[in-house]
């Protein structure tokens, strides 16, 4: 999995690592805080850590010729950020392929 992330461009790679931290860290934190009835604090962690991912996804969309504003705003929601990440990855049907000349 890390080999595929290393092949991506800088902004997409950073967003991928942050989204990985969001998913794994949020899950671990929710499990850790559940016995103390503080699991909703994990949501605060997820939304806060997701902000830089939204920024990097918007920059990656800008480099691909897509709307950076739309991608950034939709990526503020963590689940939508994952969808945007996979739609921006190379090989996705939504990414613009460079025309061979």
PDB file of N, CA and C in Angstrom:
ATOM      1  N   UNK A   1       0.818  -1.178   0.000  1.00  0.00           N
ATOM      2  CA  UNK A   1       0.000   0.000   0.000  1.00  0.00           C
ATOM      3  C   UNK A   1       0.870   1.253   0.000  1.00  0.00           C
ATOM      4  N   UNK A   2       1.952   1.238   0.756  1.00  0.00           N
ATOM      5  CA  UNK A   2       2.810   2.412   0.810  1.00  0.00           C
ATOM      6  C   UNK A   2       3.574   2.607  -0.499  1.00  0.00           C
ATOM      7  N   UNK A   3       3.789   1.526  -1.235  1.00  0.00           N
ATOM      8  CA  UNK A   3       4.461   1.652  -2.527  1.00  0.00           C
ATOM      9  C   UNK A   3       3.589   2.422  -3.512  1.00  0.00           C
ATOM     10  N   UNK A   4       2.285   2.177  -3.472  1.00  0.00           N
ATOM     11  CA  UNK A   4       1.371   2.902  -4.361  1.00  0.00           C
ATOM     12  C   UNK A   4       1.298   4.376  -3.979  1.00  0.00           C
ATOM     13  N   UNK A   5       1.325   4.668  -2.687  1.00  0.00           N
ATOM     14  CA  UNK A   5       1.296   6.060  -2.251  1.00  0.00           C
ATOM     15  C   UNK A   5       2.575   6.791  -2.645  1.00  0.00           C
ATOM     16  N   UNK A   6       3.692   6.093  -2.635  1.00  0.00           N
ATOM     17  CA  UNK A   6       4.965   6.730  -2.977  1.00  0.00           C
ATOM     18  C   UNK A   6       5.023   7.123  -4.445  1.00  0.00           C
ATOM     19  N   UNK A   7       4.231   6.484  -5.294  1.00  0.00           N
ATOM     20  CA  UNK A   7       4.238   6.785  -6.729  1.00  0.00           C
ATOM     21  C   UNK A   7       3.387   8.000  -7.083  1.00  0.00           C
ATOM     22  N   UNK A   8       2.561   8.475  -6.159  1.00  0.00           N
ATOM     23  CA  UNK A   8       1.663   9.588  -6.445  1.00  0.00           C
ATOM     24  C   UNK A   8       2.415  10.915  -6.397  1.00  0.00           C
ATOM     25  N   UNK A   9       1.783  11.961  -6.939  1.00  0.00           N
ATOM     26  CA  UNK A   9       2.423  13.278  -6.856  1.00  0.00           C
ATOM     27  C   UNK A   9       2.420  13.755  -5.405  1.00  0.00           C
ATOM     28  N   UNK A  10       3.150  14.821  -5.148  1.00  0.00           N
ATOM     29  CA  UNK A  10       3.412  15.279  -3.787  1.00  0.00           C
ATOM     30  C   UNK A  10       2.131  15.553  -2.999  1.00  0.00           C
ATOM     31  N   UNK A  11       1.211  16.310  -3.567  1.00  0.00           N
ATOM     32  CA  UNK A  11      -0.008  16.677  -2.843  1.00  0.00           C
ATOM     33  C   UNK A  11      -0.908  15.475  -2.594  1.00  0.00           C
ATOM     34  N   UNK A  12      -1.037  14.624  -3.584  1.00  0.00           N
ATOM     35  CA  UNK A  12      -1.886  13.441  -3.432  1.00  0.00           C
ATOM     36  C   UNK A  12      -1.277  12.458  -2.432  1.00  0.00           C
ATOM     37  N   UNK A  13       0.044  12.347  -2.437  1.00  0.00           N
ATOM     38  CA  UNK A  13       0.733  11.456  -1.492  1.00  0.00           C
ATOM     39  C   UNK A  13       0.529  11.957  -0.055  1.00  0.00           C
ATOM     40  N   UNK A  14       0.675  13.259   0.155  1.00  0.00           N
ATOM     41  CA  UNK A  14       0.474  13.814   1.492  1.00  0.00           C
ATOM     42  C   UNK A  14      -0.965  13.619   1.954  1.00  0.00           C
ATOM     43  N   UNK A  15      -1.915  13.845   1.059  1.00  0.00           N
ATOM     44  CA  UNK A  15      -3.320  13.641   1.408  1.00  0.00           C
ATOM     45  C   UNK A  15      -3.578  12.180   1.757  1.00  0.00           C
ATOM     46  N   UNK A  16      -2.956  11.267   1.031  1.00  0.00           N
ATOM     47  CA  UNK A  16      -3.137   9.844   1.307  1.00  0.00           C
ATOM     48  C   UNK A  16      -2.619   9.449   2.675  1.00  0.00           C
ATOM     49  N   UNK A  17      -1.443   9.961   3.042  1.00  0.00           N
ATOM     50  CA  UNK A  17      -0.902   9.654   4.365  1.00  0.00           C
ATOM     51  C   UNK A  17      -1.766  10.255   5.472  1.00  0.00           C
ATOM     52  N   UNK A  18      -2.273  11.457   5.248  1.00  0.00           N
ATOM     53  CA  UNK A  18      -3.128  12.081   6.259  1.00  0.00           C
ATOM     54  C   UNK A  18      -4.438  11.315   6.387  1.00  0.00           C
ATOM     55  N   UNK A  19      -5.019  10.903   5.265  1.00  0.00           N
ATOM     56  CA  UNK A  19      -6.266  10.144   5.328  1.00  0.00           C
ATOM     57  C   UNK A  19      -6.056   8.787   5.992  1.00  0.00           C
ATOM     58  N   UNK A  20      -4.891   8.208   5.793  1.00  0.00           N
ATOM     59  CA  UNK A  20      -4.565   6.955   6.481  1.00  0.00           C
ATOM     60  C   UNK A  20      -4.506   7.193   7.988  1.00  0.00           C
ATOM     61  N   UNK A  21      -3.911   8.309   8.394  1.00  0.00           N
ATOM     62  CA  UNK A  21      -3.855   8.649   9.816  1.00  0.00           C
ATOM     63  C   UNK A  21      -5.251   8.945  10.365  1.00  0.00           C
ATOM     64  N   UNK A  22      -6.091   9.544   9.554  1.00  0.00           N
ATOM     65  CA  UNK A  22      -7.464   9.837   9.988  1.00  0.00           C
ATOM     66  C   UNK A  22      -8.214   8.541  10.268  1.00  0.00           C
ATOM     67  N   UNK A  23      -8.132   7.607   9.341  1.00  0.00           N
ATOM     68  CA  UNK A  23      -8.879   6.354   9.504  1.00  0.00           C
ATOM     69  C   UNK A  23      -8.327   5.525  10.657  1.00  0.00           C
ATOM     70  N   UNK A  24      -7.020   5.298  10.654  1.00  0.00           N
ATOM     71  CA  UNK A  24      -6.433   4.458  11.701  1.00  0.00           C
ATOM     72  C   UNK A  24      -6.437   5.152  13.059  1.00  0.00           C
ATOM     73  N   UNK A  25      -6.049   6.417  13.088  1.00  0.00           N
ATOM     74  CA  UNK A  25      -6.013   7.145  14.351  1.00  0.00           C
ATOM     75  C   UNK A  25      -7.383   7.355  14.950  1.00  0.00           C
ATOM     76  N   UNK A  26      -8.363   7.699  14.112  1.00  0.00           N
ATOM     77  CA  UNK A  26      -9.721   7.883  14.608  1.00  0.00           C
ATOM     78  C   UNK A  26     -10.309   6.595  15.167  1.00  0.00           C
ATOM     79  N   UNK A  27     -10.057   5.492  14.483  1.00  0.00           N
ATOM     80  CA  UNK A  27     -10.562   4.198  14.965  1.00  0.00           C
ATOM     81  C   UNK A  27      -9.902   3.810  16.284  1.00  0.00           C
ATOM     82  N   UNK A  28      -8.590   3.971  16.345  1.00  0.00           N
ATOM     83  CA  UNK A  28      -7.861   3.617  17.564  1.00  0.00           C
ATOM     84  C   UNK A  28      -8.289   4.503  18.729  1.00  0.00           C
ATOM     85  N   UNK A  29      -8.418   5.792  18.463  1.00  0.00           N
ATOM     86  CA  UNK A  29      -8.820   6.725  19.516  1.00  0.00           C
ATOM     87  C   UNK A  29     -10.240   6.445  20.001  1.00  0.00           C
ATOM     88  N   UNK A  30     -11.139   6.101  19.094  1.00  0.00           N
ATOM     89  CA  UNK A  30     -12.511   5.773  19.491  1.00  0.00           C
ATOM     90  C   UNK A  30     -12.536   4.528  20.373  1.00  0.00           C
ATOM     91  N   UNK A  31     -11.737   3.526  20.009  1.00  0.00           N
ATOM     92  CA  UNK A  31     -11.680   2.315  20.835  1.00  0.00           C
ATOM     93  C   UNK A  31     -11.048   2.598  22.195  1.00  0.00           C
ATOM     94  N   UNK A  32     -10.058   3.459  22.214  1.00  0.00           N
ATOM     95  CA  UNK A  32      -9.363   3.785  23.456  1.00  0.00           C
ATOM     96  C   UNK A  32     -10.243   4.606  24.396  1.00  0.00           C
ATOM     97  N   UNK A  33     -11.038   5.517  23.845  1.00  0.00           N
ATOM     98  CA  UNK A  33     -11.855   6.406  24.667  1.00  0.00           C
ATOM     99  C   UNK A  33     -13.252   5.863  24.976  1.00  0.00           C
ATOM    100  N   UNK A  34     -13.642   4.790  24.325  1.00  0.00           N
ATOM    101  CA  UNK A  34     -14.988   4.241  24.533  1.00  0.00           C
ATOM    102  C   UNK A  34     -15.271   3.857  25.991  1.00  0.00           C
ATOM    103  N   UNK A  35     -14.368   3.204  26.699  1.00  0.00           N
ATOM    104  CA  UNK A  35     -14.676   2.847  28.094  1.00  0.00           C
ATOM    105  C   UNK A  35     -14.920   4.062  29.003  1.00  0.00           C
ATOM    106  N   UNK A  36     -14.414   5.207  28.634  1.00  0.00           N
ATOM    107  CA  UNK A  36     -14.584   6.418  29.442  1.00  0.00           C
ATOM    108  C   UNK A  36     -15.736   7.299  28.938  1.00  0.00           C
ATOM    109  N   UNK A  37     -16.513   6.793  27.986  1.00  0.00           N
ATOM    110  CA  UNK A  37     -17.626   7.528  27.366  1.00  0.00           C
ATOM    111  C   UNK A  37     -17.159   8.830  26.721  1.00  0.00           C
ATOM    112  N   UNK A  38     -15.970   8.824  26.174  1.00  0.00           N
ATOM    113  CA  UNK A  38     -15.409   9.995  25.506  1.00  0.00           C
ATOM    114  C   UNK A  38     -15.159   9.740  24.019  1.00  0.00           C
ATOM    115  N   UNK A  39     -15.807   8.737  23.471  1.00  0.00           N
ATOM    116  CA  UNK A  39     -15.605   8.390  22.071  1.00  0.00           C
ATOM    117  C   UNK A  39     -15.930   9.533  21.106  1.00  0.00           C
ATOM    118  N   UNK A  40     -16.876  10.415  21.416  1.00  0.00           N
ATOM    119  CA  UNK A  40     -17.111  11.535  20.498  1.00  0.00           C
ATOM    120  C   UNK A  40     -15.900  12.448  20.313  1.00  0.00           C
ATOM    121  N   UNK A  41     -14.949  12.413  21.232  1.00  0.00           N
ATOM    122  CA  UNK A  41     -13.729  13.196  21.040  1.00  0.00           C
ATOM    123  C   UNK A  41     -12.915  12.693  19.847  1.00  0.00           C
ATOM    124  N   UNK A  42     -13.113  11.421  19.503  1.00  0.00           N
ATOM    125  CA  UNK A  42     -12.434  10.883  18.332  1.00  0.00           C
ATOM    126  C   UNK A  42     -12.927  11.573  17.065  1.00  0.00           C
ATOM    127  N   UNK A  43     -14.198  11.948  17.051  1.00  0.00           N
ATOM    128  CA  UNK A  43     -14.739  12.686  15.900  1.00  0.00           C
ATOM    129  C   UNK A  43     -14.065  14.048  15.751  1.00  0.00           C
ATOM    130  N   UNK A  44     -13.787  14.682  16.859  1.00  0.00           N
ATOM    131  CA  UNK A  44     -13.079  15.959  16.822  1.00  0.00           C
ATOM    132  C   UNK A  44     -11.682  15.772  16.228  1.00  0.00           C
ATOM    133  N   UNK A  45     -11.023  14.681  16.608  1.00  0.00           N
ATOM    134  CA  UNK A  45      -9.718  14.356  16.049  1.00  0.00           C
ATOM    135  C   UNK A  45      -9.811  14.148  14.542  1.00  0.00           C
ATOM    136  N   UNK A  46     -10.799  13.377  14.111  1.00  0.00           N
ATOM    137  CA  UNK A  46     -10.958  13.048  12.686  1.00  0.00           C
ATOM    138  C   UNK A  46     -11.202  14.309  11.868  1.00  0.00           C
ATOM    139  N   UNK A  47     -12.103  15.175  12.318  1.00  0.00           N
ATOM    140  CA  UNK A  47     -12.418  16.383  11.563  1.00  0.00           C
ATOM    141  C   UNK A  47     -11.243  17.350  11.542  1.00  0.00           C
ATOM    142  N   UNK A  48     -10.500  17.430  12.641  1.00  0.00           N
ATOM    143  CA  UNK A  48      -9.361  18.351  12.704  1.00  0.00           C
ATOM    144  C   UNK A  48      -8.213  17.877  11.827  1.00  0.00           C
ATOM    145  N   UNK A  49      -7.900  16.601  11.885  1.00  0.00           N
ATOM    146  CA  UNK A  49      -6.789  16.070  11.106  1.00  0.00           C
ATOM    147  C   UNK A  49      -7.144  16.025   9.618  1.00  0.00           C
ATOM    148  N   UNK A  50      -8.424  15.983   9.300  1.00  0.00           N
ATOM    149  CA  UNK A  50      -8.858  15.934   7.910  1.00  0.00           C
ATOM    150  C   UNK A  50      -8.659  17.271   7.182  1.00  0.00           C
ATOM    151  N   UNK A  51      -8.550  18.369   7.902  1.00  0.00           N
ATOM    152  CA  UNK A  51      -8.415  19.682   7.261  1.00  0.00           C
ATOM    153  C   UNK A  51      -7.198  19.788   6.336  1.00  0.00           C
ATOM    154  N   UNK A  52      -6.005  19.365   6.767  1.00  0.00           N
ATOM    155  CA  UNK A  52      -4.884  19.420   5.822  1.00  0.00           C
ATOM    156  C   UNK A  52      -5.076  18.503   4.613  1.00  0.00           C
ATOM    157  N   UNK A  53      -5.753  17.381   4.809  1.00  0.00           N
ATOM    158  CA  UNK A  53      -6.022  16.482   3.687  1.00  0.00           C
ATOM    159  C   UNK A  53      -6.891  17.166   2.649  1.00  0.00           C
ATOM    160  N   UNK A  54      -7.880  17.934   3.107  1.00  0.00           N
ATOM    161  CA  UNK A  54      -8.740  18.669   2.176  1.00  0.00           C
ATOM    162  C   UNK A  54      -7.915  19.683   1.385  1.00  0.00           C
ATOM    163  N   UNK A  55      -6.979  20.334   2.037  1.00  0.00           N
ATOM    164  CA  UNK A  55      -6.120  21.304   1.353  1.00  0.00           C
ATOM    165  C   UNK A  55      -5.283  20.614   0.275  1.00  0.00           C
ATOM    166  N   UNK A  56      -4.636  19.510   0.632  1.00  0.00           N
ATOM    167  CA  UNK A  56      -3.787  18.811  -0.333  1.00  0.00           C
ATOM    168  C   UNK A  56      -4.603  18.221  -1.473  1.00  0.00           C
ATOM    169  N   UNK A  57      -5.805  17.765  -1.191  1.00  0.00           N
ATOM    170  CA  UNK A  57      -6.666  17.250  -2.259  1.00  0.00           C
ATOM    171  C   UNK A  57      -7.079  18.361  -3.210  1.00  0.00           C
ATOM    172  N   UNK A  58      -7.336  19.548  -2.668  1.00  0.00           N
ATOM    173  CA  UNK A  58      -7.705  20.660  -3.551  1.00  0.00           C
ATOM    174  C   UNK A  58      -6.529  21.068  -4.427  1.00  0.00           C
ATOM    175  N   UNK A  59      -5.324  21.023  -3.894  1.00  0.00           N
ATOM    176  CA  UNK A  59      -4.142  21.350  -4.694  1.00  0.00           C
ATOM    177  C   UNK A  59      -3.887  20.299  -5.771  1.00  0.00           C
ATOM    178  N   UNK A  60      -4.127  19.031  -5.440  1.00  0.00           N
ATOM    179  CA  UNK A  60      -3.968  17.968  -6.434  1.00  0.00           C
ATOM    180  C   UNK A  60      -5.009  18.103  -7.539  1.00  0.00           C
ATOM    181  N   UNK A  61      -6.228  18.483  -7.178  1.00  0.00           N
ATOM    182  CA  UNK A  61      -7.277  18.683  -8.183  1.00  0.00           C
ATOM    183  C   UNK A  61      -6.919  19.850  -9.094  1.00  0.00           C
ATOM    184  N   UNK A  62      -6.349  20.889  -8.534  1.00  0.00           N
ATOM    185  CA  UNK A  62      -5.941  22.053  -9.312  1.00  0.00           C
ATOM    186  C   UNK A  62      -4.893  21.664 -10.350  1.00  0.00           C
ATOM    187  N   UNK A  63      -3.947  20.810  -9.961  1.00  0.00           N
ATOM    188  CA  UNK A  63      -2.912  20.357 -10.900  1.00  0.00           C
ATOM    189  C   UNK A  63      -3.484  19.477 -12.010  1.00  0.00           C
ATOM    190  N   UNK A  64      -4.601  18.817 -11.724  1.00  0.00           N
ATOM    191  CA  UNK A  64      -5.230  17.953 -12.727  1.00  0.00           C
ATOM    192  C   UNK A  64      -6.255  18.705 -13.568  1.00  0.00           C
ATOM    193  N   UNK A  65      -6.416  19.993 -13.311  1.00  0.00           N
ATOM    194  CA  UNK A  65      -7.347  20.777 -14.101  1.00  0.00           C
ATOM    195  C   UNK A  65      -8.776  20.720 -13.622  1.00  0.00           C
ATOM    196  N   UNK A  66      -8.992  20.240 -12.419  1.00  0.00           N
ATOM    197  CA  UNK A  66     -10.337  20.197 -11.854  1.00  0.00           C
ATOM    198  C   UNK A  66     -10.531  21.383 -10.921  1.00  0.00           C
ATOM    199  N   UNK A  67     -11.730  21.589 -10.471  1.00  0.00           N
ATOM    200  CA  UNK A  67     -12.045  22.708  -9.585  1.00  0.00           C
ATOM    201  C   UNK A  67     -11.454  22.464  -8.197  1.00  0.00           C
ATOM    202  N   UNK A  68     -10.501  23.305  -7.825  1.00  0.00           N
ATOM    203  CA  UNK A  68      -9.878  23.167  -6.514  1.00  0.00           C
ATOM    204  C   UNK A  68     -10.852  23.534  -5.402  1.00  0.00           C
ATOM    205  N   UNK A  69     -11.678  24.545  -5.635  1.00  0.00           N
ATOM    206  CA  UNK A  69     -12.634  24.969  -4.621  1.00  0.00           C
ATOM    207  C   UNK A  69     -13.663  23.880  -4.331  1.00  0.00           C
ATOM    208  N   UNK A  70     -14.229  23.313  -5.373  1.00  0.00           N
ATOM    209  CA  UNK A  70     -15.241  22.273  -5.180  1.00  0.00           C
ATOM    210  C   UNK A  70     -14.643  21.053  -4.494  1.00  0.00           C
ATOM    211  N   UNK A  71     -13.472  20.650  -4.926  1.00  0.00           N
ATOM    212  CA  UNK A  71     -12.819  19.495  -4.317  1.00  0.00           C
ATOM    213  C   UNK A  71     -12.476  19.769  -2.864  1.00  0.00           C
ATOM    214  N   UNK A  72     -11.977  20.966  -2.580  1.00  0.00           N
ATOM    215  CA  UNK A  72     -11.621  21.309  -1.208  1.00  0.00           C
ATOM    216  C   UNK A  72     -12.822  21.337  -0.275  1.00  0.00           C
ATOM    217  N   UNK A  73     -13.918  21.936  -0.739  1.00  0.00           N
ATOM    218  CA  UNK A  73     -15.103  22.010   0.113  1.00  0.00           C
ATOM    219  C   UNK A  73     -15.739  20.642   0.332  1.00  0.00           C
ATOM    220  N   UNK A  74     -15.792  19.826  -0.696  1.00  0.00           N
ATOM    221  CA  UNK A  74     -16.376  18.496  -0.494  1.00  0.00           C
ATOM    222  C   UNK A  74     -15.463  17.611   0.345  1.00  0.00           C
ATOM    223  N   UNK A  75     -14.159  17.884   0.308  1.00  0.00           N
ATOM    224  CA  UNK A  75     -13.211  17.080   1.083  1.00  0.00           C
ATOM    225  C   UNK A  75     -13.189  17.439   2.553  1.00  0.00           C
ATOM    226  N   UNK A  76     -13.908  18.469   2.957  1.00  0.00           N
ATOM    227  CA  UNK A  76     -13.986  18.791   4.377  1.00  0.00           C
ATOM    228  C   UNK A  76     -14.706  17.707   5.165  1.00  0.00           C
ATOM    229  N   UNK A  77     -15.567  16.960   4.496  1.00  0.00           N
ATOM    230  CA  UNK A  77     -16.235  15.812   5.115  1.00  0.00           C
ATOM    231  C   UNK A  77     -15.296  14.615   4.944  1.00  0.00           C
ATOM    232  N   UNK A  78     -14.894  13.967   6.039  1.00  0.00           N
ATOM    233  CA  UNK A  78     -13.892  12.901   5.925  1.00  0.00           C
ATOM    234  C   UNK A  78     -14.243  11.774   4.954  1.00  0.00           C
ATOM    235  N   UNK A  79     -15.481  11.330   4.931  1.00  0.00           N
ATOM    236  CA  UNK A  79     -15.860  10.256   4.004  1.00  0.00           C
ATOM    237  C   UNK A  79     -15.762  10.733   2.554  1.00  0.00           C
ATOM    238  N   UNK A  80     -16.158  11.966   2.311  1.00  0.00           N
ATOM    239  CA  UNK A  80     -16.059  12.518   0.960  1.00  0.00           C
ATOM    240  C   UNK A  80     -14.601  12.726   0.560  1.00  0.00           C
ATOM    241  N   UNK A  81     -13.747  13.006   1.539  1.00  0.00           N
ATOM    242  CA  UNK A  81     -12.322  13.162   1.247  1.00  0.00           C
ATOM    243  C   UNK A  81     -11.729  11.848   0.735  1.00  0.00           C
ATOM    244  N   UNK A  82     -12.167  10.744   1.308  1.00  0.00           N
ATOM    245  CA  UNK A  82     -11.693   9.443   0.814  1.00  0.00           C
ATOM    246  C   UNK A  82     -12.153   9.201  -0.620  1.00  0.00           C
ATOM    247  N   UNK A  83     -13.396   9.550  -0.907  1.00  0.00           N
ATOM    248  CA  UNK A  83     -13.911   9.382  -2.264  1.00  0.00           C
ATOM    249  C   UNK A  83     -13.146  10.272  -3.240  1.00  0.00           C
ATOM    250  N   UNK A  84     -12.904  11.520  -2.844  1.00  0.00           N
ATOM    251  CA  UNK A  84     -12.140  12.437  -3.695  1.00  0.00           C
ATOM    252  C   UNK A  84     -10.723  11.930  -3.909  1.00  0.00           C
ATOM    253  N   UNK A  85     -10.112  11.381  -2.878  1.00  0.00           N
ATOM    254  CA  UNK A  85      -8.752  10.863  -3.006  1.00  0.00           C
ATOM    255  C   UNK A  85      -8.699   9.764  -4.063  1.00  0.00           C
ATOM    256  N   UNK A  86      -9.627   8.833  -3.980  1.00  0.00           N
ATOM    257  CA  UNK A  86      -9.607   7.728  -4.948  1.00  0.00           C
ATOM    258  C   UNK A  86     -10.002   8.182  -6.346  1.00  0.00           C
ATOM    259  N   UNK A  87     -10.800   9.225  -6.441  1.00  0.00           N
ATOM    260  CA  UNK A  87     -11.146   9.716  -7.776  1.00  0.00           C
ATOM    261  C   UNK A  87     -10.001  10.517  -8.396  1.00  0.00           C
ATOM    262  N   UNK A  88      -9.101  11.061  -7.582  1.00  0.00           N
ATOM    263  CA  UNK A  88      -7.961  11.798  -8.098  1.00  0.00           C
ATOM    264  C   UNK A  88      -6.755  10.916  -8.396  1.00  0.00           C
ATOM    265  N   UNK A  89      -6.756   9.698  -7.873  1.00  0.00           N
ATOM    266  CA  UNK A  89      -5.619   8.795  -8.097  1.00  0.00           C
ATOM    267  C   UNK A  89      -5.526   8.407  -9.564  1.00  0.00           C
ATOM    268  N   UNK A  90      -4.307   8.208 -10.062  1.00  0.00           N
ATOM    269  CA  UNK A  90      -4.146   7.772 -11.458  1.00  0.00           C
ATOM    270  C   UNK A  90      -4.832   6.432 -11.689  1.00  0.00           C
ATOM    271  N   UNK A  91      -5.429   6.312 -12.849  1.00  0.00           N
ATOM    272  CA  UNK A  91      -6.146   5.089 -13.189  1.00  0.00           C
ATOM    273  C   UNK A  91      -7.625   5.170 -12.871  1.00  0.00           C
ATOM    274  N   UNK A  92      -8.035   6.213 -12.173  1.00  0.00           N
ATOM    275  CA  UNK A  92      -9.446   6.404 -11.882  1.00  0.00           C
ATOM    276  C   UNK A  92     -10.144   6.906 -13.132  1.00  0.00           C
ATOM    277  N   UNK A  93     -11.376   6.517 -13.357  1.00  0.00           N
ATOM    278  CA  UNK A  93     -12.074   6.979 -14.573  1.00  0.00           C
ATOM    279  C   UNK A  93     -12.295   8.487 -14.597  1.00  0.00           C
ATOM    280  N   UNK A  94     -12.273   9.155 -13.445  1.00  0.00           N
ATOM    281  CA  UNK A  94     -12.533  10.594 -13.410  1.00  0.00           C
ATOM    282  C   UNK A  94     -11.283  11.433 -13.639  1.00  0.00           C
ATOM    283  N   UNK A  95     -10.097  10.855 -13.573  1.00  0.00           N
ATOM    284  CA  UNK A  95      -8.896  11.648 -13.776  1.00  0.00           C
ATOM    285  C   UNK A  95      -8.682  11.901 -15.252  1.00  0.00           C
ATOM    286  N   UNK A  96      -8.159  13.057 -15.548  1.00  0.00           N
ATOM    287  CA  UNK A  96      -7.870  13.402 -16.949  1.00  0.00           C
ATOM    288  C   UNK A  96      -6.557  12.747 -17.352  1.00  0.00           C
ATOM    289  N   UNK A  97      -6.606  11.996 -18.400  1.00  0.00           N
ATOM    290  CA  UNK A  97      -5.407  11.365 -18.912  1.00  0.00           C
ATOM    291  C   UNK A  97      -4.729  12.310 -19.884  1.00  0.00           C
ATOM    292  N   UNK A  98      -3.426  12.379 -19.825  1.00  0.00           N
ATOM    293  CA  UNK A  98      -2.678  13.228 -20.746  1.00  0.00           C
ATOM    294  C   UNK A  98      -2.772  12.633 -22.146  1.00  0.00           C
ATOM    295  N   UNK A  99      -3.038  13.486 -23.102  1.00  0.00           N
ATOM    296  CA  UNK A  99      -3.152  12.989 -24.466  1.00  0.00           C
ATOM    297  C   UNK A  99      -1.761  12.768 -25.048  1.00  0.00           C
ATOM    298  N   UNK A 100      -1.519  11.617 -25.657  1.00  0.00           N
ATOM    299  CA  UNK A 100      -0.197  11.334 -26.241  1.00  0.00           C
ATOM    300  C   UNK A 100       0.019  12.155 -27.498  1.00  0.00           C
ATOM    301  N   UNK A 101       1.120  12.864 -27.567  1.00  0.00           N
ATOM    302  CA  UNK A 101       1.433  13.662 -28.750  1.00  0.00           C
ATOM    303  C   UNK A 101       2.833  13.391 -29.187  1.00  0.00           C
TER     304      UNK A 101
END
